């Protein structure tokens, strides 16, 4: 059914991330289907002191790898940590790998989301592939 699945994951949101990753593994079914986990940091996190930027990104990649190894069937996933706007980073990653589907978490609504929108509300209308917004 799918050839390439992109999963937008915050490795620090463990329960939500584990559920999202478990669903991705279930959708994958065939080991030949590519599974890619992506975490996008806001620019602010990576532009603090220049020498801290690689440390922040490497730490995020290590947490992403630990998350992938904690879910059966996800240990061979490709990992990607990017900086920038979440929407643009996810869309760029999906285009680069030729994703058939993007899995996104549906975060709890906050007052800021009513004003600015969520990452899911920005990605879904702009994506060139299917987008699944997964609620807990």
C-alpha atoms as a PDB file:
ATOM      1  CA  UNK A   1       0.000   0.000   0.000  1.00  0.00           C
ATOM      2  CA  UNK A   2       2.709   2.514   0.982  1.00  0.00           C
ATOM      3  CA  UNK A   3       6.310   2.649  -0.189  1.00  0.00           C
ATOM      4  CA  UNK A   4       7.563   5.440   2.065  1.00  0.00           C
ATOM      5  CA  UNK A   5       6.180   6.674   5.395  1.00  0.00           C
ATOM      6  CA  UNK A   6       7.352   9.873   7.080  1.00  0.00           C
ATOM      7  CA  UNK A   7       6.645  10.230  10.793  1.00  0.00           C
ATOM      8  CA  UNK A   8       6.891  13.640  12.469  1.00  0.00           C
ATOM      9  CA  UNK A   9       8.111  12.818  15.951  1.00  0.00           C
ATOM     10  CA  UNK A  10       9.045  14.781  19.040  1.00  0.00           C
ATOM     11  CA  UNK A  11      11.296  12.285  20.829  1.00  0.00           C
ATOM     12  CA  UNK A  12      10.644  14.067  24.124  1.00  0.00           C
ATOM     13  CA  UNK A  13       6.862  13.495  23.943  1.00  0.00           C
ATOM     14  CA  UNK A  14       7.375   9.832  24.766  1.00  0.00           C
ATOM     15  CA  UNK A  15       3.831   8.410  25.106  1.00  0.00           C
ATOM     16  CA  UNK A  16       2.531  10.328  22.096  1.00  0.00           C
ATOM     17  CA  UNK A  17       5.650   9.497  20.072  1.00  0.00           C
ATOM     18  CA  UNK A  18       5.486   5.805  20.983  1.00  0.00           C
ATOM     19  CA  UNK A  19       1.825   5.595  19.888  1.00  0.00           C
ATOM     20  CA  UNK A  20       2.573   7.386  16.620  1.00  0.00           C
ATOM     21  CA  UNK A  21       5.545   5.163  15.901  1.00  0.00           C
ATOM     22  CA  UNK A  22       3.592   1.989  16.727  1.00  0.00           C
ATOM     23  CA  UNK A  23       0.918   3.066  14.224  1.00  0.00           C
ATOM     24  CA  UNK A  24       3.597   3.728  11.600  1.00  0.00           C
ATOM     25  CA  UNK A  25       5.003   0.232  12.089  1.00  0.00           C
ATOM     26  CA  UNK A  26       1.496  -1.210  11.763  1.00  0.00           C
ATOM     27  CA  UNK A  27       0.900   0.733   8.522  1.00  0.00           C
ATOM     28  CA  UNK A  28       4.279  -0.342   7.223  1.00  0.00           C
ATOM     29  CA  UNK A  29       3.481  -4.094   7.251  1.00  0.00           C
ATOM     30  CA  UNK A  30       6.100  -4.908   4.597  1.00  0.00           C
ATOM     31  CA  UNK A  31       9.772  -4.563   5.616  1.00  0.00           C
ATOM     32  CA  UNK A  32      10.482  -3.157   2.137  1.00  0.00           C
ATOM     33  CA  UNK A  33       8.525  -0.012   2.980  1.00  0.00           C
ATOM     34  CA  UNK A  34      10.810   2.867   4.004  1.00  0.00           C
ATOM     35  CA  UNK A  35      10.119   4.388   7.411  1.00  0.00           C
ATOM     36  CA  UNK A  36      11.626   7.796   8.170  1.00  0.00           C
ATOM     37  CA  UNK A  37      11.409   9.607  11.502  1.00  0.00           C
ATOM     38  CA  UNK A  38      11.868  13.376  11.433  1.00  0.00           C
ATOM     39  CA  UNK A  39      12.151  15.892  14.252  1.00  0.00           C
ATOM     40  CA  UNK A  40      12.208  19.588  13.312  1.00  0.00           C
ATOM     41  CA  UNK A  41      13.630  22.078  15.802  1.00  0.00           C
ATOM     42  CA  UNK A  42      12.554  25.703  15.681  1.00  0.00           C
ATOM     43  CA  UNK A  43      15.311  28.020  14.445  1.00  0.00           C
ATOM     44  CA  UNK A  44      15.511  29.586  17.896  1.00  0.00           C
ATOM     45  CA  UNK A  45      16.845  26.340  19.393  1.00  0.00           C
ATOM     46  CA  UNK A  46      19.686  26.074  16.913  1.00  0.00           C
ATOM     47  CA  UNK A  47      20.670  29.718  16.684  1.00  0.00           C
ATOM     48  CA  UNK A  48      21.406  30.240  20.364  1.00  0.00           C
ATOM     49  CA  UNK A  49      25.195  30.079  20.727  1.00  0.00           C
ATOM     50  CA  UNK A  50      26.707  28.731  17.489  1.00  0.00           C
ATOM     51  CA  UNK A  51      28.814  26.138  19.329  1.00  0.00           C
ATOM     52  CA  UNK A  52      25.688  24.691  21.025  1.00  0.00           C
ATOM     53  CA  UNK A  53      23.776  24.105  17.810  1.00  0.00           C
ATOM     54  CA  UNK A  54      25.480  20.807  16.813  1.00  0.00           C
ATOM     55  CA  UNK A  55      25.192  19.547  20.386  1.00  0.00           C
ATOM     56  CA  UNK A  56      21.446  20.216  20.433  1.00  0.00           C
ATOM     57  CA  UNK A  57      20.908  18.476  17.082  1.00  0.00           C
ATOM     58  CA  UNK A  58      23.108  15.499  17.998  1.00  0.00           C
ATOM     59  CA  UNK A  59      21.247  15.076  21.282  1.00  0.00           C
ATOM     60  CA  UNK A  60      17.931  15.122  19.450  1.00  0.00           C
ATOM     61  CA  UNK A  61      19.162  12.520  16.981  1.00  0.00           C
ATOM     62  CA  UNK A  62      20.304  10.283  19.858  1.00  0.00           C
ATOM     63  CA  UNK A  63      16.855  10.557  21.509  1.00  0.00           C
ATOM     64  CA  UNK A  64      15.207   9.816  18.161  1.00  0.00           C
ATOM     65  CA  UNK A  65      17.379   6.712  17.728  1.00  0.00           C
ATOM     66  CA  UNK A  66      16.532   5.552  21.263  1.00  0.00           C
ATOM     67  CA  UNK A  67      12.829   5.994  20.505  1.00  0.00           C
ATOM     68  CA  UNK A  68      13.143   4.010  17.260  1.00  0.00           C
ATOM     69  CA  UNK A  69      14.904   1.153  19.082  1.00  0.00           C
ATOM     70  CA  UNK A  70      12.216   1.081  21.773  1.00  0.00           C
ATOM     71  CA  UNK A  71       9.409   0.200  19.329  1.00  0.00           C
ATOM     72  CA  UNK A  72       9.474  -3.226  17.691  1.00  0.00           C
ATOM     73  CA  UNK A  73       9.823  -2.939  13.927  1.00  0.00           C
ATOM     74  CA  UNK A  74      11.060   0.653  13.941  1.00  0.00           C
ATOM     75  CA  UNK A  75      14.719  -0.002  14.665  1.00  0.00           C
ATOM     76  CA  UNK A  76      15.698   0.184  10.975  1.00  0.00           C
ATOM     77  CA  UNK A  77      13.996   3.536  10.385  1.00  0.00           C
ATOM     78  CA  UNK A  78      15.913   6.383   8.805  1.00  0.00           C
ATOM     79  CA  UNK A  79      16.362   9.336  11.145  1.00  0.00           C
ATOM     80  CA  UNK A  80      16.390  13.032  10.398  1.00  0.00           C
ATOM     81  CA  UNK A  81      16.763  16.036  12.652  1.00  0.00           C
ATOM     82  CA  UNK A  82      16.316  19.416  11.006  1.00  0.00           C
ATOM     83  CA  UNK A  83      16.057  23.001  12.109  1.00  0.00           C
ATOM     84  CA  UNK A  84      13.669  25.601  10.810  1.00  0.00           C
ATOM     85  CA  UNK A  85       9.933  25.955  10.550  1.00  0.00           C
ATOM     86  CA  UNK A  86       8.210  22.646  11.304  1.00  0.00           C
ATOM     87  CA  UNK A  87       5.863  22.803   8.327  1.00  0.00           C
ATOM     88  CA  UNK A  88       8.609  23.572   5.799  1.00  0.00           C
ATOM     89  CA  UNK A  89      11.006  21.030   7.310  1.00  0.00           C
ATOM     90  CA  UNK A  90       8.431  18.238   7.152  1.00  0.00           C
ATOM     91  CA  UNK A  91       7.314  19.081   3.624  1.00  0.00           C
ATOM     92  CA  UNK A  92      10.926  19.245   2.425  1.00  0.00           C
ATOM     93  CA  UNK A  93      11.719  15.896   4.058  1.00  0.00           C
ATOM     94  CA  UNK A  94       8.603  14.307   2.533  1.00  0.00           C
ATOM     95  CA  UNK A  95       9.537  15.574  -0.939  1.00  0.00           C
ATOM     96  CA  UNK A  96      13.160  14.450  -0.549  1.00  0.00           C
ATOM     97  CA  UNK A  97      12.246  10.858   0.345  1.00  0.00           C
ATOM     98  CA  UNK A  98       9.167  10.644  -1.893  1.00  0.00           C
ATOM     99  CA  UNK A  99       6.819   9.947   1.017  1.00  0.00           C
ATOM    100  CA  UNK A 100       3.425   8.430   0.271  1.00  0.00           C
ATOM    101  CA  UNK A 101       2.076   9.459   3.659  1.00  0.00           C
ATOM    102  CA  UNK A 102       2.999  11.760   6.521  1.00  0.00           C
ATOM    103  CA  UNK A 103       1.954  10.838  10.063  1.00  0.00           C
ATOM    104  CA  UNK A 104       1.545  13.764  12.459  1.00  0.00           C
ATOM    105  CA  UNK A 105       0.405  13.913  16.077  1.00  0.00           C
ATOM    106  CA  UNK A 106      -2.625  16.013  16.962  1.00  0.00           C
ATOM    107  CA  UNK A 107      -1.509  17.982  19.996  1.00  0.00           C
ATOM    108  CA  UNK A 108      -3.886  19.202  22.670  1.00  0.00           C
ATOM    109  CA  UNK A 109      -5.365  22.549  21.654  1.00  0.00           C
ATOM    110  CA  UNK A 110      -3.769  25.590  23.247  1.00  0.00           C
ATOM    111  CA  UNK A 111      -4.915  29.184  22.953  1.00  0.00           C
ATOM    112  CA  UNK A 112      -1.952  29.969  20.663  1.00  0.00           C
ATOM    113  CA  UNK A 113      -3.103  27.293  18.219  1.00  0.00           C
ATOM    114  CA  UNK A 114      -6.426  29.052  17.758  1.00  0.00           C
ATOM    115  CA  UNK A 115      -4.572  32.173  16.731  1.00  0.00           C
ATOM    116  CA  UNK A 116      -1.613  30.747  14.780  1.00  0.00           C
ATOM    117  CA  UNK A 117      -2.726  27.222  13.847  1.00  0.00           C
ATOM    118  CA  UNK A 118      -0.910  23.937  14.407  1.00  0.00           C
ATOM    119  CA  UNK A 119       1.783  22.224  12.398  1.00  0.00           C
ATOM    120  CA  UNK A 120      -0.798  19.691  11.219  1.00  0.00           C
ATOM    121  CA  UNK A 121      -3.098  22.475   9.986  1.00  0.00           C
ATOM    122  CA  UNK A 122      -0.202  23.904   7.962  1.00  0.00           C
ATOM    123  CA  UNK A 123       1.169  20.640   6.575  1.00  0.00           C
ATOM    124  CA  UNK A 124      -2.083  18.960   5.488  1.00  0.00           C
ATOM    125  CA  UNK A 125      -3.177  21.431   2.785  1.00  0.00           C
ATOM    126  CA  UNK A 126       0.349  21.848   1.394  1.00  0.00           C
ATOM    127  CA  UNK A 127       1.508  18.225   1.275  1.00  0.00           C
ATOM    128  CA  UNK A 128       1.830  16.397  -2.046  1.00  0.00           C
ATOM    129  CA  UNK A 129       0.887  13.118  -0.333  1.00  0.00           C
ATOM    130  CA  UNK A 130      -1.660  11.860   2.172  1.00  0.00           C
ATOM    131  CA  UNK A 131      -1.443  13.207   5.713  1.00  0.00           C
ATOM    132  CA  UNK A 132      -2.727  11.287   8.739  1.00  0.00           C
ATOM    133  CA  UNK A 133      -3.276  13.381  11.842  1.00  0.00           C
ATOM    134  CA  UNK A 134      -3.269  10.899  14.703  1.00  0.00           C
ATOM    135  CA  UNK A 135      -5.202  11.632  17.867  1.00  0.00           C
ATOM    136  CA  UNK A 136      -4.457   9.883  21.148  1.00  0.00           C
END
